[in-house]
Amino acid sequence: MEYQEKIDKLREMIAGSDNIVFFGGAGVSTESGIPDFRSVDGLYNQTYDYPPETILSHTFYVNMPEEFFRFYRDKLLSVKAAPNKAHLKLAELEAQGKLKAVITQNIDGLHQDAGSKEVLELHGSVRRNFCEKCHRFYDADYMLHYGEEETGVGKNSRMVPRCSVCGGRVKPDVVLYEEGLDMDVLNRAVDYIRNADMLIIGGTSLVVYPAAGLIDYYRGNKLVLINKSPTSRDQYADLVIAGSIGEVLGAC
């Protein structure tokens, strides 16, 4: 089947569905300029002494917080990023009553910026940050600019953010390696996928577990995989489209 035929087929499948669930990964946000830290990137090797998977672990966060927050501010706090065609199309489908939920592995909040209401963030969000002592809430801007007034030299990427009330360390509400997923969010995601009449998976290579295992709960016959590179689940899909998730959904 040619590329355009696949786009036409996807459009037809969406038109005939009214209980769609979308499950997405980093590829959804790379088109908004947010880098996928798993990709080969010379900058990481030049700038950091540890691989991203090590930096984004609970142990590293506890033992080397200055280096953790340097990476967090440099690579994860993309506050200027804007939704792309994929985010906007999904919000449009939800507004039409077709899409019931977006399940995402991303932590950037771009689905909400696009207008999506029912967004299940499996790995949390950089938009939420909490004091470990008193649980006071802080937004992404607080984390990004923390310490600038004290240093007088602009963003100090090595400073560990502290609560303005009790002085406790402020932790991003993101799931680090060695930490478990929120079971309430995970159970809700399972329910949505189990009851969906169409499941669209995009921008993910389906290698991060337990999130990638959610596909096993789908029982319908409209499983669509959209990704630039092949995945281990392509053979089980009813439609596979190799390409940019923004371009594909934007064409529907």
Protein backbone atom coordinates (compact mmCIF):
# COMPACT_ATOMS: atom_id res chain seq x y z
CA MET A 1 0.00 0.00 0.00
CA GLU A 2 1.39 3.40 -1.00
CA TYR A 3 1.86 6.22 1.52
CA GLN A 4 -1.14 8.24 0.34
CA GLU A 5 -3.31 5.13 0.36
CA LYS A 6 -2.34 4.60 3.97
CA ILE A 7 -3.27 8.19 4.83
CA ASP A 8 -6.63 7.71 3.14
CA LYS A 9 -7.14 4.45 5.06
CA LEU A 10 -6.30 6.17 8.35
CA ARG A 11 -8.75 8.96 7.60
CA GLU A 12 -11.43 6.36 6.84
CA MET A 13 -10.73 4.48 10.07
CA ILE A 14 -10.97 7.68 12.12
CA ALA A 15 -14.23 8.65 10.43
CA GLY A 16 -15.73 5.28 11.36
CA SER A 17 -14.65 5.38 15.01
CA ASP A 18 -16.05 7.16 18.05
CA ASN A 19 -13.90 5.71 20.85
CA ILE A 20 -10.32 6.46 19.82
CA VAL A 21 -7.36 6.39 22.20
CA PHE A 22 -3.96 7.79 21.30
CA PHE A 23 -0.76 6.50 22.89
CA GLY A 24 2.34 8.56 22.15
CA GLY A 25 6.02 8.88 22.92
CA ALA A 26 8.95 11.22 22.41
CA GLY A 27 8.49 11.38 18.64
CA VAL A 28 5.32 13.42 19.14
CA SER A 29 7.31 16.24 20.73
CA THR A 30 10.52 16.15 18.69
CA GLU A 31 8.62 17.98 15.95
CA SER A 32 8.12 20.80 18.45
CA GLY A 33 11.87 21.06 18.95
CA ILE A 34 12.09 18.97 22.12
CA PRO A 35 14.99 16.51 21.73
CA ASP A 36 14.65 12.81 22.30
CA PHE A 37 17.46 12.16 24.77
CA ARG A 38 17.67 8.54 23.61
CA SER A 39 18.76 9.60 20.14
CA VAL A 40 22.41 9.93 19.22
CA ASP A 41 23.37 13.48 20.19
CA GLY A 42 26.97 14.57 20.34
CA LEU A 43 26.07 17.44 22.61
CA TYR A 44 25.30 15.06 25.47
CA ASN A 45 28.68 13.39 25.14
CA GLN A 46 30.45 16.74 25.06
CA THR A 47 28.57 18.37 27.94
CA TYR A 48 27.73 15.65 30.44
CA ASP A 49 29.90 13.08 32.16
CA TYR A 50 27.01 10.60 32.48
CA PRO A 51 24.44 9.18 30.04
CA PRO A 52 20.89 10.60 30.30
CA GLU A 53 19.54 7.32 31.67
CA THR A 54 21.94 7.61 34.60
CA ILE A 55 21.26 11.29 35.25
CA LEU A 56 17.50 10.71 35.20
CA SER A 57 17.60 8.06 37.89
CA HIS A 58 16.39 8.40 41.47
CA THR A 59 19.82 7.49 42.82
CA PHE A 60 21.54 10.19 40.77
CA TYR A 61 18.90 12.75 41.77
CA VAL A 62 19.54 12.03 45.45
CA ASN A 63 23.33 11.83 45.29
CA MET A 64 24.20 14.43 42.64
CA PRO A 65 21.35 16.95 42.61
CA GLU A 66 23.38 19.82 41.11
CA GLU A 67 24.25 17.81 38.01
CA PHE A 68 20.70 16.44 37.84
CA PHE A 69 19.19 19.93 37.79
CA ARG A 70 21.73 21.15 35.26
CA PHE A 71 20.48 18.49 32.88
CA TYR A 72 16.85 19.07 33.90
CA ARG A 73 17.02 22.78 33.07
CA ASP A 74 19.08 22.35 29.91
CA LYS A 75 17.19 19.48 28.32
CA LEU A 76 13.77 18.98 29.89
CA LEU A 77 12.41 22.46 30.67
CA SER A 78 11.42 23.39 27.12
CA VAL A 79 9.04 26.14 28.19
CA LYS A 80 9.10 27.88 24.80
CA ALA A 81 8.10 24.82 22.79
CA ALA A 82 4.72 24.98 21.04
CA PRO A 83 2.27 22.23 20.02
CA ASN A 84 2.70 20.81 16.52
CA LYS A 85 0.20 19.36 14.04
CA ALA A 86 -0.06 16.08 15.94
CA HIS A 87 -0.99 17.77 19.23
CA LEU A 88 -3.50 20.03 17.48
CA LYS A 89 -5.16 17.22 15.52
CA LEU A 90 -5.61 15.11 18.64
CA ALA A 91 -7.20 18.03 20.47
CA GLU A 92 -9.50 18.53 17.49
CA LEU A 93 -10.56 14.87 17.51
CA GLU A 94 -11.30 15.10 21.23
CA ALA A 95 -13.42 18.21 20.69
CA GLN A 96 -15.37 16.29 18.07
CA GLY A 97 -16.08 13.54 20.60
CA LYS A 98 -14.08 10.92 18.72
CA LEU A 99 -10.94 10.79 20.83
CA LYS A 100 -11.51 9.79 24.45
CA ALA A 101 -7.98 10.07 25.85
CA VAL A 102 -4.37 10.85 25.11
CA ILE A 103 -1.92 8.60 26.92
CA THR A 104 1.59 10.01 26.76
CA GLN A 105 5.08 9.14 27.89
CA ASN A 106 6.09 12.77 27.43
CA ILE A 107 6.47 15.23 30.29
CA ASP A 108 6.26 18.55 28.42
CA GLY A 109 2.55 19.45 28.73
CA LEU A 110 2.16 20.23 25.01
CA HIS A 111 -1.01 18.17 24.65
CA GLN A 112 -2.70 20.42 27.21
CA ASP A 113 -1.35 23.51 25.44
CA ALA A 114 -3.00 22.27 22.25
CA GLY A 115 -6.35 21.97 24.02
CA SER A 116 -6.55 18.29 24.96
CA LYS A 117 -8.47 17.76 28.21
CA GLU A 118 -8.13 14.06 29.01
CA VAL A 119 -4.36 13.58 29.08
CA LEU A 120 -2.84 10.72 31.06
CA GLU A 121 0.82 11.49 31.72
CA LEU A 122 2.48 8.16 32.49
CA HIS A 123 5.80 9.75 33.37
CA GLY A 124 4.55 12.93 35.02
CA SER A 125 5.12 16.53 33.94
CA VAL A 126 7.78 19.22 34.23
CA ARG A 127 4.90 21.65 34.71
CA ARG A 128 4.46 20.28 38.24
CA ASN A 129 7.17 20.52 40.88
CA PHE A 130 6.75 19.97 44.61
CA CYS A 131 8.67 20.68 47.78
CA GLU A 132 9.74 17.37 49.30
CA LYS A 133 9.05 18.68 52.81
CA CYS A 134 5.88 20.78 52.75
CA HIS A 135 4.57 19.77 49.28
CA ARG A 136 4.18 23.36 48.12
CA PHE A 137 3.64 23.56 44.34
CA TYR A 138 6.02 25.29 41.92
CA ASP A 139 5.67 25.72 38.17
CA ALA A 140 8.27 25.24 35.44
CA ASP A 141 9.27 28.89 35.36
CA TYR A 142 10.25 28.76 39.03
CA MET A 143 12.52 25.80 38.31
CA LEU A 144 14.02 27.36 35.20
CA HIS A 145 14.90 30.71 36.76
CA TYR A 146 15.65 29.64 40.32
CA GLY A 147 18.77 31.35 41.67
CA GLU A 148 19.06 34.09 39.06
CA GLU A 149 18.41 36.91 41.53
CA GLU A 150 20.86 35.49 44.05
CA THR A 151 23.70 35.03 41.58
CA GLY A 152 23.06 38.09 39.46
CA VAL A 153 24.53 36.30 36.46
CA GLY A 154 21.46 34.94 34.76
CA LYS A 155 20.41 31.31 34.86
CA ASN A 156 22.52 29.30 37.27
CA SER A 157 21.93 25.80 35.94
CA ARG A 158 23.76 24.12 38.80
CA MET A 159 21.64 25.47 41.65
CA VAL A 160 19.32 23.03 43.42
CA PRO A 161 15.86 24.64 43.70
CA ARG A 162 14.60 25.15 47.23
CA CYS A 163 11.16 25.88 48.63
CA SER A 164 10.60 29.56 49.35
CA VAL A 165 8.64 28.65 52.49
CA CYS A 166 10.46 25.81 54.26
CA GLY A 167 13.71 25.49 52.32
CA GLY A 168 13.06 21.90 51.27
CA ARG A 169 14.34 20.63 47.94
CA VAL A 170 11.83 21.00 45.10
CA LYS A 171 11.45 17.80 43.04
CA PRO A 172 9.96 17.61 39.57
CA ASP A 173 6.78 15.54 39.42
CA VAL A 174 8.34 13.22 36.86
CA VAL A 175 8.93 9.48 37.10
CA LEU A 176 12.66 8.86 37.27
CA TYR A 177 14.38 5.57 36.57
CA GLU A 178 14.07 3.32 39.65
CA GLU A 179 10.70 4.91 40.49
CA GLY A 180 7.31 3.32 39.88
CA LEU A 181 4.53 4.69 37.72
CA ASP A 182 1.44 6.20 39.31
CA MET A 183 -0.87 3.19 39.53
CA ASP A 184 -4.03 5.28 39.27
CA VAL A 185 -2.86 6.79 35.99
CA LEU A 186 -1.72 3.39 34.73
CA ASN A 187 -5.05 1.73 35.58
CA ARG A 188 -7.01 4.49 33.87
CA ALA A 189 -4.83 4.08 30.78
CA VAL A 190 -5.53 0.34 30.75
CA ASP A 191 -9.28 0.97 30.97
CA TYR A 192 -9.24 3.45 28.10
CA ILE A 193 -7.21 1.13 25.86
CA ARG A 194 -9.26 -1.95 26.74
CA ASN A 195 -12.51 -0.19 25.77
CA ALA A 196 -11.23 1.62 22.68
CA ASP A 197 -12.56 0.78 19.25
CA MET A 198 -9.42 2.32 17.69
CA LEU A 199 -5.92 2.65 19.12
CA ILE A 200 -3.41 4.97 17.47
CA ILE A 201 0.18 4.64 18.62
CA GLY A 202 2.61 7.29 17.43
CA GLY A 203 6.10 8.60 17.95
CA THR A 204 7.32 5.71 20.08
CA SER A 205 9.53 2.72 19.45
CA LEU A 206 7.62 0.76 22.12
CA VAL A 207 10.72 -0.25 24.07
CA VAL A 208 10.08 1.47 27.42
CA TYR A 209 8.20 -0.78 29.85
CA PRO A 210 5.80 -0.99 31.53
CA ALA A 211 4.30 1.74 29.34
CA ALA A 212 4.90 -0.16 26.07
CA GLY A 213 3.03 -3.16 27.45
CA LEU A 214 -0.23 -1.20 27.44
CA ILE A 215 -0.73 -2.16 23.80
CA ASP A 216 -1.49 -5.70 24.95
CA TYR A 217 -4.76 -4.55 26.50
CA TYR A 218 -6.24 -3.48 23.18
CA ARG A 219 -8.87 -5.90 21.89
CA GLY A 220 -10.09 -4.14 18.75
CA ASN A 221 -9.17 -4.42 15.08
CA LYS A 222 -8.09 -0.86 14.37
CA LEU A 223 -4.54 -0.77 15.71
CA VAL A 224 -2.52 1.92 13.94
CA LEU A 225 1.24 2.38 14.38
CA ILE A 226 2.81 5.63 13.16
CA ASN A 227 6.57 5.98 13.63
CA LYS A 228 9.58 6.98 11.58
CA SER A 229 11.33 3.69 12.26
CA PRO A 230 9.95 0.13 12.56
CA THR A 231 8.79 -1.20 15.92
CA SER A 232 8.64 -4.73 17.29
CA ARG A 233 4.85 -4.56 17.15
CA ASP A 234 4.42 -3.61 13.48
CA GLN A 235 3.40 -7.16 12.56
CA TYR A 236 0.40 -7.00 14.90
CA ALA A 237 -0.95 -3.69 13.59
CA ASP A 238 -3.85 -3.27 11.19
CA LEU A 239 -2.14 -0.24 9.65
CA VAL A 240 1.51 0.81 9.82
CA ILE A 241 2.63 4.20 8.53
CA ALA A 242 6.32 5.06 8.46
CA GLY A 243 6.62 8.79 8.80
CA SER A 244 6.35 11.90 10.90
CA ILE A 245 3.44 11.75 13.34
CA GLY A 246 2.72 15.44 12.79
CA GLU A 247 2.62 15.12 9.02
CA VAL A 248 0.51 11.97 9.13
CA LEU A 249 -2.12 13.25 11.57
CA GLY A 250 -2.03 16.69 10.03
CA ALA A 251 -3.04 15.15 6.71
CA CYS A 252 -6.13 13.47 8.16
